[in-house]
Structures are given as structure tokens and as C-alpha cells.
C-alpha atoms as a PDB file:
ATOM      1  CA  MET A   1     -37.809  96.540 107.555  1.00  0.00           C
ATOM      2  CA  ASN A   2     -34.377  95.279 107.012  1.00  0.00           C
ATOM      3  CA  GLU A   3     -35.561  91.984 106.501  1.00  0.00           C
ATOM      4  CA  GLU A   4     -38.114  92.896 103.713  1.00  0.00           C
ATOM      5  CA  GLU A   5     -35.732  94.875 102.572  1.00  0.00           C
ATOM      6  CA  LYS A   6     -33.670  92.135 101.568  1.00  0.00           C
ATOM      7  CA  LYS A   7     -36.586  90.228 100.287  1.00  0.00           C
ATOM      8  CA  GLU A   8     -37.567  92.501  97.703  1.00  0.00           C
ATOM      9  CA  SER A   9     -33.817  93.326  96.671  1.00  0.00           C
ATOM     10  CA  PRO A  10     -32.562  91.915  93.379  1.00  0.00           C
ATOM     11  CA  PRO A  11     -30.584  88.939  93.550  1.00  0.00           C
ATOM     12  CA  SER A  12     -26.583  89.753  93.000  1.00  0.00           C
ATOM     13  CA  THR A  13     -24.402  89.357  89.878  1.00  0.00           C
ATOM     14  CA  ASP A  14     -22.499  86.137  91.388  1.00  0.00           C
ATOM     15  CA  ASN A  15     -26.107  84.368  91.653  1.00  0.00           C
ATOM     16  CA  SER A  16     -27.088  85.511  88.147  1.00  0.00           C
ATOM     17  CA  GLU A  17     -24.425  84.197  86.634  1.00  0.00           C
ATOM     18  CA  GLN A  18     -24.456  81.026  88.642  1.00  0.00           C
ATOM     19  CA  LEU A  19     -28.337  80.577  87.568  1.00  0.00           C
ATOM     20  CA  GLU A  20     -27.917  81.090  83.821  1.00  0.00           C
ATOM     21  CA  LYS A  21     -24.792  78.512  83.794  1.00  0.00           C
ATOM     22  CA  GLU A  22     -27.162  75.763  85.407  1.00  0.00           C
ATOM     23  CA  LEU A  23     -29.850  76.880  82.735  1.00  0.00           C
ATOM     24  CA  ASP A  24     -27.208  76.406  80.219  1.00  0.00           C
ATOM     25  CA  ALA A  25     -26.065  72.475  81.367  1.00  0.00           C
ATOM     26  CA  ALA A  26     -29.470  71.587  81.422  1.00  0.00           C
ATOM     27  CA  SER A  27     -30.439  72.740  77.981  1.00  0.00           C
ATOM     28  CA  THR A  28     -27.660  70.884  76.487  1.00  0.00           C
ATOM     29  CA  ASP A  29     -28.973  67.538  77.951  1.00  0.00           C
ATOM     30  CA  GLU A  30     -32.010  67.866  75.258  1.00  0.00           C
ATOM     31  CA  PRO A  31     -31.873  67.247  71.527  1.00  0.00           C
ATOM     32  CA  ASN A  32     -31.390  70.644  69.371  1.00  0.00           C
ATOM     33  CA  LEU A  33     -34.424  70.693  67.230  1.00  0.00           C
ATOM     34  CA  SER A  34     -33.451  73.663  65.502  1.00  0.00           C
ATOM     35  CA  ALA A  35     -29.971  72.750  64.552  1.00  0.00           C
ATOM     36  CA  GLU A  36     -28.678  73.376  61.159  1.00  0.00           C
ATOM     37  CA  ILE A  37     -29.655  70.000  58.975  1.00  0.00           C
ATOM     38  CA  ILE A  38     -26.131  68.652  57.913  1.00  0.00           C
ATOM     39  CA  PRO A  39     -26.320  67.393  53.565  1.00  0.00           C
ATOM     40  CA  GLU A  40     -26.116  63.735  52.957  1.00  0.00           C
ATOM     41  CA  THR A  41     -23.242  64.301  50.823  1.00  0.00           C
ATOM     42  CA  GLU A  42     -21.627  65.886  53.876  1.00  0.00           C
ATOM     43  CA  GLN A  43     -22.530  63.495  56.750  1.00  0.00           C
ATOM     44  CA  PRO A  44     -19.984  61.018  57.306  1.00  0.00           C
ATOM     45  CA  GLN A  45     -20.303  57.465  56.362  1.00  0.00           C
ATOM     46  CA  ILE A  46     -20.259  54.902  59.338  1.00  0.00           C
ATOM     47  CA  GLU A  47     -18.695  51.608  58.461  1.00  0.00           C
ATOM     48  CA  GLN A  48     -21.392  48.840  58.999  1.00  0.00           C
ATOM     49  CA  SER A  49     -20.397  46.073  61.337  1.00  0.00           C
ATOM     50  CA  GLU A  50     -20.220  42.671  59.952  1.00  0.00           C
ATOM     51  CA  THR A  51     -22.857  41.178  62.303  1.00  0.00           C
ATOM     52  CA  PRO A  52     -26.452  43.156  62.612  1.00  0.00           C
ATOM     53  CA  ILE A  53     -27.124  44.854  66.012  1.00  0.00           C
ATOM     54  CA  ALA A  54     -30.055  43.675  67.677  1.00  0.00           C
ATOM     55  CA  THR A  55     -32.894  46.095  69.106  1.00  0.00           C
ATOM     56  CA  GLY A  56     -35.768  45.631  71.252  1.00  0.00           C
ATOM     57  CA  THR A  57     -37.910  46.926  68.670  1.00  0.00           C
ATOM     58  CA  PRO A  58     -40.404  44.187  67.113  1.00  0.00           C
ATOM     59  CA  ASN A  59     -40.678  45.679  63.248  1.00  0.00           C
ATOM     60  CA  TYR A  60     -36.241  45.919  63.370  1.00  0.00           C
ATOM     61  CA  LYS A  61     -35.148  44.188  60.071  1.00  0.00           C
ATOM     62  CA  PRO A  62     -31.508  43.140  59.943  1.00  0.00           C
ATOM     63  CA  GLN A  63     -29.086  44.675  57.033  1.00  0.00           C
ATOM     64  CA  THR A  64     -27.818  41.774  54.793  1.00  0.00           C
ATOM     65  CA  GLU A  65     -24.219  41.224  54.141  1.00  0.00           C
ATOM     66  CA  GLU A  66     -23.221  42.872  50.783  1.00  0.00           C
ATOM     67  CA  MET A  67     -21.087  40.119  48.600  1.00  0.00           C
ATOM     68  CA  GLU A  68     -18.624  41.056  45.918  1.00  0.00           C
ATOM     69  CA  VAL A  69     -19.962  39.722  43.198  1.00  0.00           C
ATOM     70  CA  HIS A  70     -17.329  38.865  39.790  1.00  0.00           C
ATOM     71  CA  HIS A  71     -19.334  39.447  36.607  1.00  0.00           C
ATOM     72  CA  HIS A  72     -17.990  37.549  33.324  1.00  0.00           C
ATOM     73  CA  ALA A  73     -17.095  39.221  30.070  1.00  0.00           C
ATOM     74  CA  HIS A  74     -19.681  37.815  27.978  1.00  0.00           C
ATOM     75  CA  THR A  75     -18.267  37.355  24.342  1.00  0.00           C
ATOM     76  CA  ALA A  76     -19.996  37.298  21.186  1.00  0.00           C
ATOM     77  CA  ARG A  77     -21.449  33.872  20.329  1.00  0.00           C
ATOM     78  CA  LYS A  78     -19.806  31.798  17.187  1.00  0.00           C
ATOM     79  CA  LYS A  79     -21.337  30.736  14.292  1.00  0.00           C
ATOM     80  CA  TRP A  80     -21.626  27.338  13.004  1.00  0.00           C
ATOM     81  CA  THR A  81     -18.993  27.798   9.981  1.00  0.00           C
ATOM     82  CA  HIS A  82     -16.659  28.733  12.664  1.00  0.00           C
ATOM     83  CA  TYR A  83     -16.359  25.512  13.857  1.00  0.00           C
ATOM     84  CA  LEU A  84     -16.993  23.985  10.586  1.00  0.00           C
ATOM     85  CA  TRP A  85     -13.778  25.784  10.066  1.00  0.00           C
ATOM     86  CA  GLU A  86     -11.709  24.777  12.510  1.00  0.00           C
ATOM     87  CA  PHE A  87     -12.842  20.974  11.869  1.00  0.00           C
ATOM     88  CA  LEU A  88     -11.497  20.863   8.743  1.00  0.00           C
ATOM     89  CA  MET A  89      -8.315  23.099   9.235  1.00  0.00           C
ATOM     90  CA  LEU A  90      -7.542  20.211  11.675  1.00  0.00           C
ATOM     91  CA  PHE A  91      -8.810  17.152   9.652  1.00  0.00           C
ATOM     92  CA  LEU A  92      -6.246  18.730   6.715  1.00  0.00           C
ATOM     93  CA  ALA A  93      -3.649  18.822   9.275  1.00  0.00           C
ATOM     94  CA  VAL A  94      -4.043  15.315  10.173  1.00  0.00           C
ATOM     95  CA  PHE A  95      -4.602  14.066   6.861  1.00  0.00           C
ATOM     96  CA  CYS A  96      -1.547  15.919   5.399  1.00  0.00           C
ATOM     97  CA  GLY A  97       0.561  14.500   8.222  1.00  0.00           C
ATOM     98  CA  PHE A  98      -0.216  11.077   7.177  1.00  0.00           C
ATOM     99  CA  MET A  99       0.101  11.644   3.753  1.00  0.00           C
ATOM    100  CA  ALA A 100       3.572  12.862   4.272  1.00  0.00           C
ATOM    101  CA  GLU A 101       4.390   9.803   6.393  1.00  0.00           C
ATOM    102  CA  ASN A 102       3.205   7.340   4.008  1.00  0.00           C
ATOM    103  CA  PHE A 103       4.756   8.870   1.174  1.00  0.00           C
ATOM    104  CA  ARG A 104       8.129   8.823   3.377  1.00  0.00           C
ATOM    105  CA  GLU A 105       7.733   5.017   3.576  1.00  0.00           C
ATOM    106  CA  HIS A 106       6.689   4.563   0.042  1.00  0.00           C
ATOM    107  CA  GLN A 107       9.913   6.235  -1.007  1.00  0.00           C
ATOM    108  CA  ILE A 108      11.875   4.009   1.922  1.00  0.00           C
ATOM    109  CA  GLU A 109      10.062   1.055   0.724  1.00  0.00           C
ATOM    110  CA  HIS A 110      10.362   1.776  -3.199  1.00  0.00           C
ATOM    111  CA  LYS A 111      14.360   2.434  -2.633  1.00  0.00           C
ATOM    112  CA  ARG A 112      14.658  -0.993  -0.990  1.00  0.00           C
ATOM    113  CA  GLU A 113      12.628  -2.819  -3.757  1.00  0.00           C
ATOM    114  CA  LYS A 114      15.032  -1.377  -6.630  1.00  0.00           C
ATOM    115  CA  GLN A 115      17.959  -2.706  -4.548  1.00  0.00           C
ATOM    116  CA  TYR A 116      16.869  -5.930  -4.398  1.00  0.00           C
ATOM    117  CA  ILE A 117      15.802  -6.417  -7.742  1.00  0.00           C
ATOM    118  CA  VAL A 118      19.748  -4.676  -8.638  1.00  0.00           C
ATOM    119  CA  SER A 119      20.925  -7.316  -6.002  1.00  0.00           C
ATOM    120  CA  LEU A 120      18.578 -10.194  -7.791  1.00  0.00           C
ATOM    121  CA  ILE A 121      19.815  -9.079 -11.535  1.00  0.00           C
ATOM    122  CA  LYS A 122      23.565  -9.838 -10.275  1.00  0.00           C
ATOM    123  CA  ASP A 123      22.180 -13.201  -8.854  1.00  0.00           C
ATOM    124  CA  VAL A 124      20.798 -14.249 -12.713  1.00  0.00           C
ATOM    125  CA  GLU A 125      23.934 -13.306 -14.292  1.00  0.00           C
ATOM    126  CA  LEU A 126      25.583 -15.444 -11.956  1.00  0.00           C
ATOM    127  CA  ASP A 127      23.132 -18.162 -12.784  1.00  0.00           C
ATOM    128  CA  THR A 128      23.241 -17.709 -16.532  1.00  0.00           C
ATOM    129  CA  ALA A 129      27.112 -18.061 -16.448  1.00  0.00           C
ATOM    130  CA  SER A 130      27.095 -21.492 -14.236  1.00  0.00           C
ATOM    131  CA  LEU A 131      24.175 -22.594 -16.559  1.00  0.00           C
ATOM    132  CA  ARG A 132      26.294 -22.253 -19.824  1.00  0.00           C
ATOM    133  CA  LEU A 133      29.281 -23.530 -17.976  1.00  0.00           C
ATOM    134  CA  THR A 134      27.360 -26.946 -16.881  1.00  0.00           C
ATOM    135  CA  TYR A 135      25.535 -26.965 -20.273  1.00  0.00           C
ATOM    136  CA  ASP A 136      28.742 -26.853 -21.994  1.00  0.00           C
ATOM    137  CA  VAL A 137      30.532 -29.688 -19.906  1.00  0.00           C
ATOM    138  CA  ARG A 138      27.249 -32.009 -20.427  1.00  0.00           C
ATOM    139  CA  LYS A 139      27.726 -31.958 -24.122  1.00  0.00           C
ATOM    140  CA  LYS A 140      31.050 -32.832 -23.609  1.00  0.00           C
ATOM    141  CA  TYR A 141      30.613 -35.744 -21.727  1.00  0.00           C
ATOM    142  CA  ILE A 142      27.490 -36.820 -23.798  1.00  0.00           C
ATOM    143  CA  ASN A 143      29.968 -36.986 -26.507  1.00  0.00           C
ATOM    144  CA  TYR A 144      32.446 -39.342 -24.199  1.00  0.00           C
ATOM    145  CA  PHE A 145      29.543 -41.792 -23.139  1.00  0.00           C
ATOM    146  CA  ASP A 146      28.404 -42.192 -26.784  1.00  0.00           C
ATOM    147  CA  SER A 147      31.937 -43.249 -27.858  1.00  0.00           C
ATOM    148  CA  LEU A 148      32.513 -45.196 -24.680  1.00  0.00           C
ATOM    149  CA  VAL A 149      29.190 -47.124 -25.620  1.00  0.00           C
ATOM    150  CA  PHE A 150      30.392 -47.607 -29.630  1.00  0.00           C
ATOM    151  CA  LEU A 151      33.870 -48.725 -28.153  1.00  0.00           C
ATOM    152  CA  LEU A 152      32.437 -51.298 -26.079  1.00  0.00           C
ATOM    153  CA  ARG A 153      30.135 -52.924 -28.501  1.00  0.00           C
ATOM    154  CA  GLN A 154      33.463 -53.042 -30.845  1.00  0.00           C
ATOM    155  CA  LYS A 155      35.570 -55.449 -28.680  1.00  0.00           C
ATOM    156  CA  ASP A 156      38.605 -53.736 -29.899  1.00  0.00           C
ATOM    157  CA  LYS A 157      41.480 -54.501 -27.432  1.00  0.00           C
ATOM    158  CA  SER A 158      43.610 -51.650 -28.988  1.00  0.00           C
ATOM    159  CA  LYS A 159      41.206 -49.159 -28.399  1.00  0.00           C
ATOM    160  CA  SER A 160      40.845 -50.277 -24.424  1.00  0.00           C
ATOM    161  CA  ASN A 161      43.062 -46.933 -23.749  1.00  0.00           C
ATOM    162  CA  ASP A 162      40.189 -44.817 -25.257  1.00  0.00           C
ATOM    163  CA  ILE A 163      37.587 -47.110 -22.860  1.00  0.00           C
ATOM    164  CA  TYR A 164      39.257 -46.021 -19.655  1.00  0.00           C
ATOM    165  CA  PHE A 165      39.660 -42.300 -20.730  1.00  0.00           C
ATOM    166  CA  TYR A 166      36.032 -42.188 -21.677  1.00  0.00           C
ATOM    167  CA  ALA A 167      34.878 -44.282 -18.741  1.00  0.00           C
ATOM    168  CA  ARG A 168      36.776 -41.944 -16.369  1.00  0.00           C
ATOM    169  CA  PHE A 169      34.734 -39.416 -16.573  1.00  0.00           C
ATOM    170  CA  LEU A 170      31.642 -41.174 -15.205  1.00  0.00           C
ATOM    171  CA  GLY A 171      32.140 -39.683 -12.120  1.00  0.00           C
ATOM    172  CA  ARG A 172      32.983 -36.443 -12.789  1.00  0.00           C
ATOM    173  CA  ILE A 173      30.370 -33.435 -13.632  1.00  0.00           C
ATOM    174  CA  ASN A 174      30.169 -29.454 -12.810  1.00  0.00           C
ATOM    175  CA  GLU A 175      27.079 -28.813 -11.728  1.00  0.00           C
ATOM    176  CA  PHE A 176      24.844 -26.023 -11.939  1.00  0.00           C
ATOM    177  CA  LYS A 177      25.241 -23.555  -8.968  1.00  0.00           C
ATOM    178  CA  TYR A 178      22.064 -21.693  -8.109  1.00  0.00           C
ATOM    179  CA  HIS A 179      22.793 -18.257  -6.806  1.00  0.00           C
ATOM    180  CA  ASP A 180      19.333 -17.679  -4.573  1.00  0.00           C
ATOM    181  CA  ARG A 181      20.870 -15.285  -1.958  1.00  0.00           C
ATOM    182  CA  THR A 182      18.536 -12.420  -2.765  1.00  0.00           C
ATOM    183  CA  ILE A 183      15.642 -14.573  -3.544  1.00  0.00           C
ATOM    184  CA  GLN A 184      16.031 -16.659  -0.160  1.00  0.00           C
ATOM    185  CA  GLN A 185      16.133 -13.263   1.535  1.00  0.00           C
ATOM    186  CA  LEU A 186      13.226 -11.744  -0.107  1.00  0.00           C
ATOM    187  CA  LYS A 187      10.987 -14.858   1.296  1.00  0.00           C
ATOM    188  CA  SER A 188      12.551 -15.293   4.800  1.00  0.00           C
ATOM    189  CA  SER A 189      12.389 -11.635   5.512  1.00  0.00           C
ATOM    190  CA  GLY A 190       8.601 -11.531   3.834  1.00  0.00           C
ATOM    191  CA  SER A 191      10.236  -8.545   1.891  1.00  0.00           C
ATOM    192  CA  LEU A 192       8.885 -10.234  -1.302  1.00  0.00           C
ATOM    193  CA  ARG A 193       5.849  -7.944  -0.903  1.00  0.00           C
ATOM    194  CA  LEU A 194       8.090  -4.918  -1.468  1.00  0.00           C
ATOM    195  CA  ILE A 195       8.083  -6.247  -5.051  1.00  0.00           C
ATOM    196  CA  ARG A 196       5.417  -3.983  -6.249  1.00  0.00           C
ATOM    197  CA  ASN A 197       5.471  -4.583 -10.090  1.00  0.00           C
ATOM    198  CA  LYS A 198       3.019  -7.794 -10.518  1.00  0.00           C
ATOM    199  CA  LYS A 199       4.323  -8.785 -13.589  1.00  0.00           C
ATOM    200  CA  ALA A 200       7.888  -8.653 -11.899  1.00  0.00           C
ATOM    201  CA  ALA A 201       7.181 -10.671  -9.152  1.00  0.00           C
ATOM    202  CA  ASP A 202       5.690 -13.063 -11.398  1.00  0.00           C
ATOM    203  CA  SER A 203       8.573 -13.522 -13.584  1.00  0.00           C
ATOM    204  CA  ILE A 204      10.700 -14.007 -10.624  1.00  0.00           C
ATOM    205  CA  THR A 205       8.310 -16.515  -9.206  1.00  0.00           C
ATOM    206  CA  ILE A 206       8.409 -18.674 -12.579  1.00  0.00           C
ATOM    207  CA  TYR A 207      12.102 -18.121 -12.799  1.00  0.00           C
ATOM    208  CA  ASP A 208      12.483 -19.541  -9.431  1.00  0.00           C
ATOM    209  CA  ASN A 209      10.087 -22.150  -9.086  1.00  0.00           C
ATOM    210  CA  GLU A 210       9.852 -23.604 -12.755  1.00  0.00           C
ATOM    211  CA  ALA A 211      12.825 -22.897 -14.666  1.00  0.00           C
ATOM    212  CA  VAL A 212      15.522 -23.371 -11.934  1.00  0.00           C
ATOM    213  CA  LYS A 213      13.607 -25.959 -10.475  1.00  0.00           C
ATOM    214  CA  LEU A 214      13.789 -28.124 -13.423  1.00  0.00           C
ATOM    215  CA  VAL A 215      17.598 -27.944 -13.502  1.00  0.00           C
ATOM    216  CA  LEU A 216      17.833 -28.620  -9.758  1.00  0.00           C
ATOM    217  CA  ASN A 217      15.701 -31.744 -10.061  1.00  0.00           C
ATOM    218  CA  GLN A 218      17.306 -33.307 -13.151  1.00  0.00           C
ATOM    219  CA  GLN A 219      20.557 -32.887 -11.108  1.00  0.00           C
ATOM    220  CA  ASP A 220      19.516 -34.905  -8.434  1.00  0.00           C
ATOM    221  CA  ILE A 221      18.530 -38.118 -10.802  1.00  0.00           C
ATOM    222  CA  GLU A 222      21.824 -37.535 -12.465  1.00  0.00           C
ATOM    223  CA  ARG A 223      23.496 -37.641  -9.014  1.00  0.00           C
ATOM    224  CA  ASN A 224      21.707 -40.949  -7.913  1.00  0.00           C
ATOM    225  CA  LEU A 225      23.055 -42.227 -11.321  1.00  0.00           C
ATOM    226  CA  ARG A 226      26.457 -41.325 -11.091  1.00  0.00           C
ATOM    227  CA  ASN A 227      26.441 -42.923  -7.309  1.00  0.00           C
ATOM    228  CA  ASP A 228      25.133 -45.933  -8.901  1.00  0.00           C
ATOM    229  CA  ILE A 229      27.689 -46.538 -11.545  1.00  0.00           C
ATOM    230  CA  LEU A 230      30.409 -45.486  -9.448  1.00  0.00           C
ATOM    231  CA  TYR A 231      29.584 -47.620  -6.443  1.00  0.00           C
ATOM    232  CA  ASN A 232      28.306 -50.684  -7.936  1.00  0.00           C
ATOM    233  CA  SER A 233      29.836 -51.389 -11.801  1.00  0.00           C
ATOM    234  CA  LEU A 234      33.346 -49.505 -12.019  1.00  0.00           C
ATOM    235  CA  GLY A 235      35.386 -52.142  -9.503  1.00  0.00           C
ATOM    236  CA  LYS A 236      33.492 -54.903 -11.532  1.00  0.00           C
ATOM    237  CA  VAL A 237      34.746 -53.315 -15.363  1.00  0.00           C
ATOM    238  CA  PHE A 238      37.853 -51.398 -14.396  1.00  0.00           C
ATOM    239  CA  ASN A 239      40.969 -52.243 -13.019  1.00  0.00           C
ATOM    240  CA  GLY A 240      41.629 -49.632 -10.061  1.00  0.00           C
ATOM    241  CA  TYR A 241      45.447 -49.025 -10.551  1.00  0.00           C
ATOM    242  CA  ILE A 242      44.854 -48.227 -14.039  1.00  0.00           C
ATOM    243  CA  TRP A 243      41.947 -46.122 -13.016  1.00  0.00           C
ATOM    244  CA  ASN A 244      44.424 -43.960 -10.420  1.00  0.00           C
ATOM    245  CA  ASP A 245      47.332 -43.555 -12.745  1.00  0.00           C
ATOM    246  CA  MET A 246      45.138 -41.900 -14.997  1.00  0.00           C
ATOM    247  CA  ALA A 247      44.880 -39.183 -12.561  1.00  0.00           C
ATOM    248  CA  ASP A 248      47.312 -36.110 -13.039  1.00  0.00           C
ATOM    249  CA  THR A 249      49.178 -36.788  -9.460  1.00  0.00           C
ATOM    250  CA  THR A 250      49.993 -32.733  -9.356  1.00  0.00           C
ATOM    251  CA  ASN A 251      46.407 -31.772 -10.796  1.00  0.00           C
ATOM    252  CA  LYS A 252      44.119 -34.345  -9.778  1.00  0.00           C
ATOM    253  CA  ALA A 253      41.188 -32.444 -11.747  1.00  0.00           C
ATOM    254  CA  THR A 254      43.221 -33.685 -14.875  1.00  0.00           C
ATOM    255  CA  ILE A 255      42.545 -37.088 -16.397  1.00  0.00           C
ATOM    256  CA  SER A 256      45.187 -38.234 -18.907  1.00  0.00           C
ATOM    257  CA  ARG A 257      44.981 -40.913 -21.655  1.00  0.00           C
ATOM    258  CA  ILE A 258      47.161 -43.542 -20.934  1.00  0.00           C
ATOM    259  CA  THR A 259      49.318 -45.055 -23.730  1.00  0.00           C
ATOM    260  CA  SER A 260      49.224 -48.517 -23.013  1.00  0.00           C
ATOM    261  CA  ASN A 261      45.787 -50.909 -23.705  1.00  0.00           C
ATOM    262  CA  PRO A 262      45.337 -52.360 -20.306  1.00  0.00           C
ATOM    263  CA  SER A 263      42.265 -54.919 -20.644  1.00  0.00           C
ATOM    264  CA  LEU A 264      39.034 -55.091 -18.963  1.00  0.00           C
ATOM    265  CA  MET A 265      38.762 -56.739 -15.659  1.00  0.00           C
ATOM    266  CA  THR A 266      36.065 -58.868 -16.751  1.00  0.00           C
ATOM    267  CA  SER A 267      34.927 -60.237 -20.092  1.00  0.00           C
ATOM    268  CA  ASP A 268      31.234 -60.979 -18.709  1.00  0.00           C
ATOM    269  CA  GLU A 269      28.890 -60.012 -20.962  1.00  0.00           C
ATOM    270  CA  LYS A 270      26.675 -59.825 -18.688  1.00  0.00           C
ATOM    271  CA  LEU A 271      28.149 -57.435 -16.156  1.00  0.00           C
ATOM    272  CA  ILE A 272      29.249 -55.239 -19.441  1.00  0.00           C
ATOM    273  CA  ASN A 273      25.645 -54.964 -20.704  1.00  0.00           C
ATOM    274  CA  GLU A 274      24.464 -54.270 -17.327  1.00  0.00           C
ATOM    275  CA  PHE A 275      27.416 -51.185 -17.237  1.00  0.00           C
ATOM    276  CA  VAL A 276      26.732 -49.905 -21.058  1.00  0.00           C
ATOM    277  CA  ILE A 277      22.760 -49.477 -19.616  1.00  0.00           C
ATOM    278  CA  LYS A 278      23.602 -47.659 -16.747  1.00  0.00           C
ATOM    279  CA  VAL A 279      26.025 -45.400 -18.864  1.00  0.00           C
ATOM    280  CA  VAL A 280      22.974 -45.044 -21.276  1.00  0.00           C
ATOM    281  CA  TYR A 281      20.774 -43.800 -18.478  1.00  0.00           C
ATOM    282  CA  LEU A 282      22.936 -41.206 -17.485  1.00  0.00           C
ATOM    283  CA  LYS A 283      24.122 -40.019 -20.862  1.00  0.00           C
ATOM    284  CA  THR A 284      20.211 -39.899 -21.392  1.00  0.00           C
ATOM    285  CA  ALA A 285      19.948 -37.746 -17.923  1.00  0.00           C
ATOM    286  CA  TYR A 286      22.834 -34.983 -19.247  1.00  0.00           C
ATOM    287  CA  ARG A 287      20.442 -34.703 -22.232  1.00  0.00           C
ATOM    288  CA  LEU A 288      17.330 -33.976 -20.684  1.00  0.00           C
ATOM    289  CA  THR A 289      19.334 -31.612 -18.575  1.00  0.00           C
ATOM    290  CA  ASN A 290      20.777 -29.695 -20.981  1.00  0.00           C
ATOM    291  CA  GLY A 291      17.078 -29.427 -22.592  1.00  0.00           C
ATOM    292  CA  ASN A 292      16.064 -27.850 -18.870  1.00  0.00           C
ATOM    293  CA  ILE A 293      19.162 -25.868 -18.849  1.00  0.00           C
ATOM    294  CA  GLU A 294      18.347 -24.158 -22.351  1.00  0.00           C
ATOM    295  CA  GLY A 295      14.922 -23.156 -21.183  1.00  0.00           C
ATOM    296  CA  ALA A 296      16.350 -21.587 -17.617  1.00  0.00           C
ATOM    297  CA  ILE A 297      18.257 -19.829 -19.890  1.00  0.00           C
ATOM    298  CA  THR A 298      16.401 -18.537 -21.763  1.00  0.00           C
ATOM    299  CA  ALA A 299      14.286 -17.305 -18.684  1.00  0.00           C
ATOM    300  CA  ALA A 300      17.067 -15.680 -17.189  1.00  0.00           C
ATOM    301  CA  GLY A 301      18.050 -13.644 -20.304  1.00  0.00           C
ATOM    302  CA  ASN A 302      14.309 -12.750 -20.397  1.00  0.00           C
ATOM    303  CA  LEU A 303      14.088 -12.113 -16.585  1.00  0.00           C
ATOM    304  CA  ILE A 304      17.001  -9.577 -16.765  1.00  0.00           C
ATOM    305  CA  VAL A 305      16.241  -7.686 -19.690  1.00  0.00           C
ATOM    306  CA  PHE A 306      12.709  -7.165 -18.260  1.00  0.00           C
ATOM    307  CA  LEU A 307      13.908  -6.188 -14.642  1.00  0.00           C
ATOM    308  CA  LYS A 308      16.200  -3.718 -15.925  1.00  0.00           C
ATOM    309  CA  LYS A 309      13.315  -1.964 -18.360  1.00  0.00           C
ATOM    310  CA  GLN A 310      10.877  -1.748 -15.289  1.00  0.00           C
ATOM    311  CA  TYR A 311      13.104  -0.443 -12.953  1.00  0.00           C
ATOM    312  CA  HIS A 312      15.117   1.556 -15.532  1.00  0.00           C
ATOM    313  CA  LEU A 313      18.219  -0.076 -14.751  1.00  0.00           C
ATOM    314  CA  LYS A 314      21.171  -0.052 -17.534  1.00  0.00           C
END
């Protein structure tokens, strides 16, 4: 009886509490389907791993890695006229630079050209002075040689002092000295191209190659004739001692007329005639040279006037 009562009696409170705990623990192992759905915006973001997780399901698709893409800013395409203007501006800049450099070189060359012209004018002025001097000297010697030939023909022994005096100038001359410093610089340095005025360049060339050259060539002829007389004829006709006494001891450039009438070294007509012929040749050469000198003086004067006018010089 007691055992049945025990069976039919309700479980104790302690046992019922233990049973409830076990039921609660078991219920937590199953998913709670009635749980409140959390909105997507409130759900925490789960960081994806760089490598996809392999699963056993056959329909699994791995997530692709998200790449950071830099997008370039696209500007509006320029019109062809813009590039045309840029080209024109660049062309104008280069062209203006070229023109400025060319203008600077032009100014420098023009300055050098004018300097050469000024120097050339000074040289031509010196040439003119030298030409006039040698012209006057030749004119005087031509008169001396005319008198010498005339006296030798007269055979007047009382005039032998005059014969010695005139003959004493056969070896003397004041030659024309060409002042070609500037022209030689123009030729040797190639600077003759700086003379851009064609008429001026032609005038300079004519003066140098024609007018002056004629005088210089004629002077070479005279020099040969004088040397022939000095070395081959004078010693045969004139007394060397008298010849020496006629020169001033203090100034050898001065020739004085002797007071006595010394005799010639020979009376041989053949030798005297040979000597006279050489004197006539020399006298004729002097006349030809003076003719060339007159032309050179005229050319020099015209050249100076022309250059001063062309280059606005005083």
C-alpha cells in the first residue's frame, strides 16, 4: 500500500525543477525559428577573407576579389583650331628669334663694314699724298735728264759741273708707297664680303687692281733701268771721287753742285751714246709713270668722294 501511494504521488518540487532545466538545455540546441528577423541594415558586416572558403556543396561559386579601379578624368577633346594656333605661336616665336639674331648680326657686320671703310679712306688719302709727292719728284728729274742729254750733245767742257750735277740724280727717286693695310686685311680675312655696297666694292677693286697696280708695275720698270745705269754705265763715264764729293757730308740726301768743271772719264762717243740712250729710256719711263700717277690720283679722289657719300661720312 505504501508503495502504490508512493507511485501515484506527484513528483517532488525538486525533481520538477531539474526536469525543466533539462528541457530548456535541450531546446537551446535547436534553431529558434520564431526568432525576430534583424533588418539588413542593422546586421553587422562580416569581413570577407581574401581566399574563398571551399565547401563541400557542388553548386558553390567562389566570390571574386574586388579590385580597386582608378578612373581617369576625361577632358573635353580640343578642336583642331587649338592645335593650329599653338603651332602658329611656336612658329612665330622661332621666327622672331631668328629675325632678332639676324638683325643683331646685320648690325655688327654693318658696324665693321663702316670701320673698314673709314680705315680704307685714310689709306687712300695717304696714297694720294704719296702719289703727288712722287709725281713732283719725277717731273723735276725729267727736266734734269733733258738738260743732261742736251749738255752731252753740246760737248761744252765749261758745263761739265752741270753734267755731273744732273747725272747725280739718275740713281735717286722717291717712289710711291702703297698703303694697302686695310685692303690686305679685307682680302686675307675674307672680310671683303662685308662691303655689301656693290658699287663701293667695285670701286675699291678697280682702284687696287688697276690704278695702283699700273703705277707699281711702272715703278718696277724704272728700278731695273736705274740699276742698269748705276751698275753698268756711270763708272765708265763719270769720276767716282767727284761723284762722292758732291754729296753733303752732314746730310747724304743733299746733292751740291761742284764749283770746278771736272772732266768725264771717257771721250768715247760709243760709250757716251750708250749712256745717253739709257738716260732717255729712264726719262721716258718717268713720263709714263707720271701719266699712270695722274690716273691713280683721279681714281683715289673719286673713290674717297664716293665712299664718303655712300656711307654718310664727313
